[in-house]
């Protein structure tokens, strides 16, 4: 799992066009809530190594975060074929995150 969030953002059309499962994570590197989620997210990701994980830096005026109506960080959006299947906001439980992964891997 990368320590940083990508400033370069994919377009919403690129996200909508994804095939298969994917995790889209919105946050920032300086956010304490985001850092608190790192360990449980890494534990859950270890169970699903084949799922692409896109860490996108969010903030005012960032189109992708606004298109998903992100209000708090971190927000994890679990996608299957570009469609949102589950969303977790500020998760701290790796089991909860793993359950959301299971929904997109099924």
N, C-alpha and C. Protein backbone atom coordinates (compact mmCIF):
# COMPACT_ATOMS: atom_id res chain seq x y z
N UNK A 1 0.85 -1.17 0.00
CA UNK A 1 0.00 0.00 0.00
C UNK A 1 0.89 1.23 0.00
N UNK A 2 0.61 2.16 -0.87
CA UNK A 2 1.39 3.39 -0.97
C UNK A 2 1.10 4.30 0.22
N UNK A 3 2.14 5.04 0.65
CA UNK A 3 1.98 5.98 1.75
C UNK A 3 1.35 7.29 1.32
N UNK A 4 1.31 7.55 0.04
CA UNK A 4 0.86 8.87 -0.42
C UNK A 4 -0.41 8.77 -1.25
N UNK A 5 -1.08 9.90 -1.31
CA UNK A 5 -2.28 10.05 -2.12
C UNK A 5 -1.88 10.73 -3.42
N UNK A 6 -2.43 10.28 -4.51
CA UNK A 6 -2.11 10.84 -5.81
C UNK A 6 -2.81 12.18 -6.01
N UNK A 7 -2.03 13.19 -6.37
CA UNK A 7 -2.60 14.49 -6.68
C UNK A 7 -3.24 14.44 -8.07
N UNK A 8 -2.60 13.73 -9.00
CA UNK A 8 -3.17 13.55 -10.33
C UNK A 8 -4.38 12.62 -10.19
N UNK A 9 -5.50 13.09 -10.67
CA UNK A 9 -6.73 12.33 -10.48
C UNK A 9 -7.26 11.77 -11.78
N UNK A 10 -7.76 10.54 -11.72
CA UNK A 10 -8.45 10.02 -12.90
C UNK A 10 -9.76 10.80 -13.07
N UNK A 11 -10.31 10.75 -14.25
CA UNK A 11 -11.60 11.40 -14.47
C UNK A 11 -12.72 10.48 -13.98
N UNK A 12 -13.87 11.03 -13.81
CA UNK A 12 -15.01 10.21 -13.41
C UNK A 12 -15.32 9.18 -14.49
N UNK A 13 -15.16 9.57 -15.76
CA UNK A 13 -15.40 8.64 -16.85
C UNK A 13 -14.43 7.45 -16.79
N UNK A 14 -13.18 7.71 -16.42
CA UNK A 14 -12.21 6.62 -16.28
C UNK A 14 -12.61 5.68 -15.15
N UNK A 15 -13.07 6.24 -14.04
CA UNK A 15 -13.52 5.41 -12.91
C UNK A 15 -14.74 4.60 -13.31
N UNK A 16 -15.70 5.26 -13.95
CA UNK A 16 -16.93 4.56 -14.36
C UNK A 16 -16.63 3.45 -15.36
N UNK A 17 -15.53 3.55 -16.09
CA UNK A 17 -15.17 2.55 -17.09
C UNK A 17 -14.32 1.41 -16.57
N UNK A 18 -13.99 1.42 -15.30
CA UNK A 18 -13.17 0.34 -14.72
C UNK A 18 -13.88 -1.00 -14.84
N UNK A 19 -13.12 -2.03 -15.08
CA UNK A 19 -13.65 -3.40 -15.13
C UNK A 19 -13.20 -4.15 -13.89
N UNK A 20 -14.10 -4.94 -13.32
CA UNK A 20 -13.77 -5.74 -12.16
C UNK A 20 -13.81 -4.92 -10.88
N UNK A 21 -13.28 -5.49 -9.79
CA UNK A 21 -13.30 -4.81 -8.49
C UNK A 21 -12.20 -3.75 -8.41
N UNK A 22 -12.45 -2.71 -7.61
CA UNK A 22 -11.45 -1.68 -7.35
C UNK A 22 -11.84 -0.95 -6.07
N UNK A 23 -10.83 -0.42 -5.40
CA UNK A 23 -11.04 0.41 -4.22
C UNK A 23 -10.57 1.81 -4.54
N UNK A 24 -11.44 2.78 -4.34
CA UNK A 24 -11.12 4.19 -4.53
C UNK A 24 -11.12 4.83 -3.14
N UNK A 25 -9.97 5.36 -2.74
CA UNK A 25 -9.81 5.95 -1.41
C UNK A 25 -9.56 7.44 -1.54
N UNK A 26 -10.36 8.24 -0.85
CA UNK A 26 -10.18 9.69 -0.83
C UNK A 26 -9.64 10.11 0.53
N UNK A 27 -8.63 10.98 0.53
CA UNK A 27 -8.07 11.49 1.77
C UNK A 27 -6.89 12.39 1.48
N UNK A 28 -6.09 12.64 2.50
CA UNK A 28 -4.86 13.41 2.35
C UNK A 28 -3.79 12.81 3.27
N UNK A 29 -2.55 13.08 2.96
CA UNK A 29 -1.45 12.55 3.75
C UNK A 29 -1.34 13.14 5.14
N UNK A 30 -1.83 14.35 5.34
CA UNK A 30 -1.72 15.01 6.64
C UNK A 30 -2.92 14.75 7.55
N UNK A 31 -3.94 14.07 7.05
CA UNK A 31 -5.18 13.83 7.82
C UNK A 31 -4.96 12.74 8.87
N UNK A 32 -5.22 13.07 10.13
CA UNK A 32 -5.06 12.10 11.21
C UNK A 32 -6.02 10.93 11.08
N UNK A 33 -7.23 11.19 10.63
CA UNK A 33 -8.21 10.10 10.44
C UNK A 33 -7.73 9.15 9.35
N UNK A 34 -7.12 9.72 8.31
CA UNK A 34 -6.61 8.89 7.21
C UNK A 34 -5.47 7.99 7.70
N UNK A 35 -4.57 8.57 8.48
CA UNK A 35 -3.46 7.78 9.02
C UNK A 35 -3.97 6.69 9.97
N UNK A 36 -5.03 6.98 10.72
CA UNK A 36 -5.59 5.98 11.64
C UNK A 36 -6.19 4.80 10.89
N UNK A 37 -6.64 5.04 9.68
CA UNK A 37 -7.24 3.97 8.87
C UNK A 37 -6.18 3.13 8.16
N UNK A 38 -4.95 3.62 8.05
CA UNK A 38 -3.91 2.92 7.30
C UNK A 38 -3.71 1.47 7.73
N UNK A 39 -3.56 1.21 9.02
CA UNK A 39 -3.27 -0.15 9.49
C UNK A 39 -4.44 -1.11 9.23
N UNK A 40 -5.68 -0.77 9.61
CA UNK A 40 -6.78 -1.71 9.31
C UNK A 40 -7.00 -1.89 7.81
N UNK A 41 -6.77 -0.84 7.04
CA UNK A 41 -6.93 -0.97 5.59
C UNK A 41 -5.85 -1.88 5.03
N UNK A 42 -4.61 -1.74 5.47
CA UNK A 42 -3.53 -2.60 5.00
C UNK A 42 -3.81 -4.07 5.34
N UNK A 43 -4.36 -4.31 6.53
CA UNK A 43 -4.69 -5.69 6.93
C UNK A 43 -5.75 -6.28 6.02
N UNK A 44 -6.76 -5.49 5.70
CA UNK A 44 -7.82 -5.98 4.82
C UNK A 44 -7.32 -6.14 3.38
N UNK A 45 -6.51 -5.19 2.92
CA UNK A 45 -5.95 -5.27 1.57
C UNK A 45 -5.10 -6.52 1.38
N UNK A 46 -4.44 -6.96 2.43
CA UNK A 46 -3.59 -8.15 2.34
C UNK A 46 -4.41 -9.39 1.96
N UNK A 47 -5.69 -9.38 2.30
CA UNK A 47 -6.57 -10.50 1.97
C UNK A 47 -7.06 -10.43 0.52
N UNK A 48 -6.92 -9.26 -0.10
CA UNK A 48 -7.41 -9.04 -1.46
C UNK A 48 -6.32 -8.37 -2.31
N UNK A 49 -5.19 -9.05 -2.49
CA UNK A 49 -4.06 -8.42 -3.18
C UNK A 49 -4.32 -8.09 -4.65
N UNK A 50 -5.28 -8.73 -5.26
CA UNK A 50 -5.56 -8.48 -6.68
C UNK A 50 -6.47 -7.30 -6.95
N UNK A 51 -7.00 -6.68 -5.91
CA UNK A 51 -7.92 -5.57 -6.10
C UNK A 51 -7.12 -4.27 -6.25
N UNK A 52 -7.27 -3.57 -7.36
CA UNK A 52 -6.59 -2.29 -7.52
C UNK A 52 -7.04 -1.28 -6.46
N UNK A 53 -6.08 -0.52 -5.94
CA UNK A 53 -6.34 0.46 -4.88
C UNK A 53 -5.86 1.82 -5.37
N UNK A 54 -6.78 2.74 -5.56
CA UNK A 54 -6.45 4.09 -6.02
C UNK A 54 -6.60 5.05 -4.85
N UNK A 55 -5.49 5.64 -4.42
CA UNK A 55 -5.52 6.63 -3.32
C UNK A 55 -5.49 8.01 -3.96
N UNK A 56 -6.57 8.75 -3.81
CA UNK A 56 -6.71 10.04 -4.46
C UNK A 56 -6.77 11.14 -3.41
N UNK A 57 -5.87 12.13 -3.57
CA UNK A 57 -5.90 13.27 -2.66
C UNK A 57 -7.16 14.08 -2.94
N UNK A 58 -7.87 14.40 -1.88
CA UNK A 58 -9.12 15.14 -2.01
C UNK A 58 -8.98 16.51 -1.37
N UNK A 59 -9.89 17.37 -1.69
CA UNK A 59 -9.89 18.71 -1.14
C UNK A 59 -10.86 19.58 -1.90
N UNK A 60 -11.00 20.84 -1.46
CA UNK A 60 -11.91 21.76 -2.15
C UNK A 60 -11.58 21.89 -3.64
N UNK A 61 -12.60 21.84 -4.44
CA UNK A 61 -12.42 22.01 -5.88
C UNK A 61 -11.94 20.78 -6.61
N UNK A 62 -11.78 19.67 -5.93
CA UNK A 62 -11.34 18.43 -6.59
C UNK A 62 -12.58 17.74 -7.17
N UNK A 63 -12.63 17.68 -8.48
CA UNK A 63 -13.84 17.22 -9.18
C UNK A 63 -14.23 15.79 -8.85
N UNK A 64 -13.25 14.87 -8.75
CA UNK A 64 -13.59 13.47 -8.54
C UNK A 64 -14.26 13.26 -7.18
N UNK A 65 -13.69 13.85 -6.14
CA UNK A 65 -14.29 13.74 -4.82
C UNK A 65 -15.69 14.33 -4.77
N UNK A 66 -15.89 15.46 -5.46
CA UNK A 66 -17.21 16.08 -5.47
C UNK A 66 -18.21 15.21 -6.21
N UNK A 67 -17.75 14.55 -7.29
CA UNK A 67 -18.67 13.71 -8.06
C UNK A 67 -19.16 12.52 -7.25
N UNK A 68 -18.36 12.09 -6.25
CA UNK A 68 -18.77 11.01 -5.36
C UNK A 68 -19.36 11.54 -4.05
N UNK A 69 -19.50 12.85 -3.95
CA UNK A 69 -20.07 13.51 -2.76
C UNK A 69 -19.32 13.15 -1.48
N UNK A 70 -18.00 13.17 -1.58
CA UNK A 70 -17.15 12.90 -0.42
C UNK A 70 -17.21 14.10 0.51
N UNK A 71 -17.49 13.85 1.78
CA UNK A 71 -17.58 14.91 2.79
C UNK A 71 -16.51 14.78 3.86
N UNK A 72 -16.14 13.55 4.21
CA UNK A 72 -15.16 13.30 5.27
C UNK A 72 -14.07 12.37 4.75
N UNK A 73 -12.89 12.48 5.36
CA UNK A 73 -11.77 11.63 4.99
C UNK A 73 -11.44 10.70 6.14
N UNK A 74 -10.93 9.55 5.85
CA UNK A 74 -10.93 8.95 4.53
C UNK A 74 -12.30 8.39 4.18
N UNK A 75 -12.60 8.41 2.92
CA UNK A 75 -13.79 7.74 2.39
C UNK A 75 -13.31 6.67 1.45
N UNK A 76 -13.73 5.44 1.71
CA UNK A 76 -13.38 4.29 0.87
C UNK A 76 -14.60 3.93 0.04
N UNK A 77 -14.44 3.90 -1.26
CA UNK A 77 -15.53 3.53 -2.15
C UNK A 77 -15.13 2.25 -2.87
N UNK A 78 -15.93 1.22 -2.67
CA UNK A 78 -15.68 -0.09 -3.23
C UNK A 78 -16.48 -0.20 -4.52
N UNK A 79 -15.78 -0.43 -5.62
CA UNK A 79 -16.38 -0.43 -6.95
C UNK A 79 -16.34 -1.82 -7.58
N UNK A 80 -17.36 -2.10 -8.36
CA UNK A 80 -17.36 -3.30 -9.20
C UNK A 80 -17.82 -2.85 -10.58
N UNK A 81 -16.95 -3.03 -11.56
CA UNK A 81 -17.22 -2.58 -12.92
C UNK A 81 -17.61 -1.11 -12.96
N UNK A 82 -16.90 -0.29 -12.18
CA UNK A 82 -17.09 1.15 -12.18
C UNK A 82 -18.29 1.66 -11.39
N UNK A 83 -19.02 0.76 -10.77
CA UNK A 83 -20.21 1.14 -10.00
C UNK A 83 -19.96 0.98 -8.51
N UNK A 84 -20.41 1.96 -7.73
CA UNK A 84 -20.25 1.90 -6.28
C UNK A 84 -21.11 0.78 -5.70
N UNK A 85 -20.46 -0.08 -4.93
CA UNK A 85 -21.16 -1.19 -4.27
C UNK A 85 -21.24 -0.94 -2.77
N UNK A 86 -20.18 -0.35 -2.21
CA UNK A 86 -20.14 -0.07 -0.77
C UNK A 86 -19.30 1.17 -0.54
N UNK A 87 -19.56 1.81 0.61
CA UNK A 87 -18.81 3.00 1.01
C UNK A 87 -18.58 2.94 2.51
N UNK A 88 -17.35 3.22 2.91
CA UNK A 88 -17.02 3.30 4.33
C UNK A 88 -16.35 4.65 4.59
N UNK A 89 -16.79 5.31 5.64
CA UNK A 89 -16.22 6.60 6.01
C UNK A 89 -15.53 6.46 7.36
N UNK A 90 -14.25 6.78 7.39
CA UNK A 90 -13.42 6.70 8.59
C UNK A 90 -13.46 5.33 9.26
N UNK A 91 -13.29 4.26 8.49
CA UNK A 91 -13.32 2.93 9.10
C UNK A 91 -12.06 2.66 9.92
N UNK A 92 -12.25 1.97 11.03
CA UNK A 92 -11.12 1.60 11.89
C UNK A 92 -11.05 0.10 12.16
N UNK A 93 -11.96 -0.65 11.57
CA UNK A 93 -12.06 -2.09 11.81
C UNK A 93 -11.72 -2.84 10.52
N UNK A 94 -10.64 -3.61 10.54
CA UNK A 94 -10.24 -4.33 9.33
C UNK A 94 -11.29 -5.34 8.89
N UNK A 95 -12.05 -5.90 9.83
CA UNK A 95 -13.11 -6.86 9.47
C UNK A 95 -14.22 -6.16 8.68
N UNK A 96 -14.56 -4.94 9.07
CA UNK A 96 -15.58 -4.17 8.35
C UNK A 96 -15.09 -3.88 6.92
N UNK A 97 -13.83 -3.53 6.80
CA UNK A 97 -13.26 -3.25 5.48
C UNK A 97 -13.23 -4.53 4.64
N UNK A 98 -12.86 -5.64 5.24
CA UNK A 98 -12.82 -6.92 4.53
C UNK A 98 -14.21 -7.32 4.05
N UNK A 99 -15.24 -7.05 4.84
CA UNK A 99 -16.62 -7.36 4.42
C UNK A 99 -16.98 -6.57 3.16
N UNK A 100 -16.56 -5.31 3.10
CA UNK A 100 -16.83 -4.50 1.91
C UNK A 100 -16.06 -5.04 0.71
N UNK A 101 -14.81 -5.48 0.92
CA UNK A 101 -14.04 -6.10 -0.16
C UNK A 101 -14.76 -7.34 -0.68
N UNK A 102 -15.31 -8.14 0.22
CA UNK A 102 -16.00 -9.37 -0.18
C UNK A 102 -17.18 -9.07 -1.11
N UNK A 103 -17.81 -7.93 -0.93
CA UNK A 103 -18.94 -7.56 -1.79
C UNK A 103 -18.53 -7.33 -3.24
N UNK A 104 -17.31 -6.82 -3.44
CA UNK A 104 -16.89 -6.54 -4.81
C UNK A 104 -16.13 -7.72 -5.44
N UNK A 105 -15.68 -8.64 -4.62
CA UNK A 105 -14.97 -9.82 -5.13
C UNK A 105 -15.93 -10.95 -5.46
N UNK A 106 -17.14 -10.88 -4.94
CA UNK A 106 -18.12 -11.97 -5.13
C UNK A 106 -18.54 -12.11 -6.57
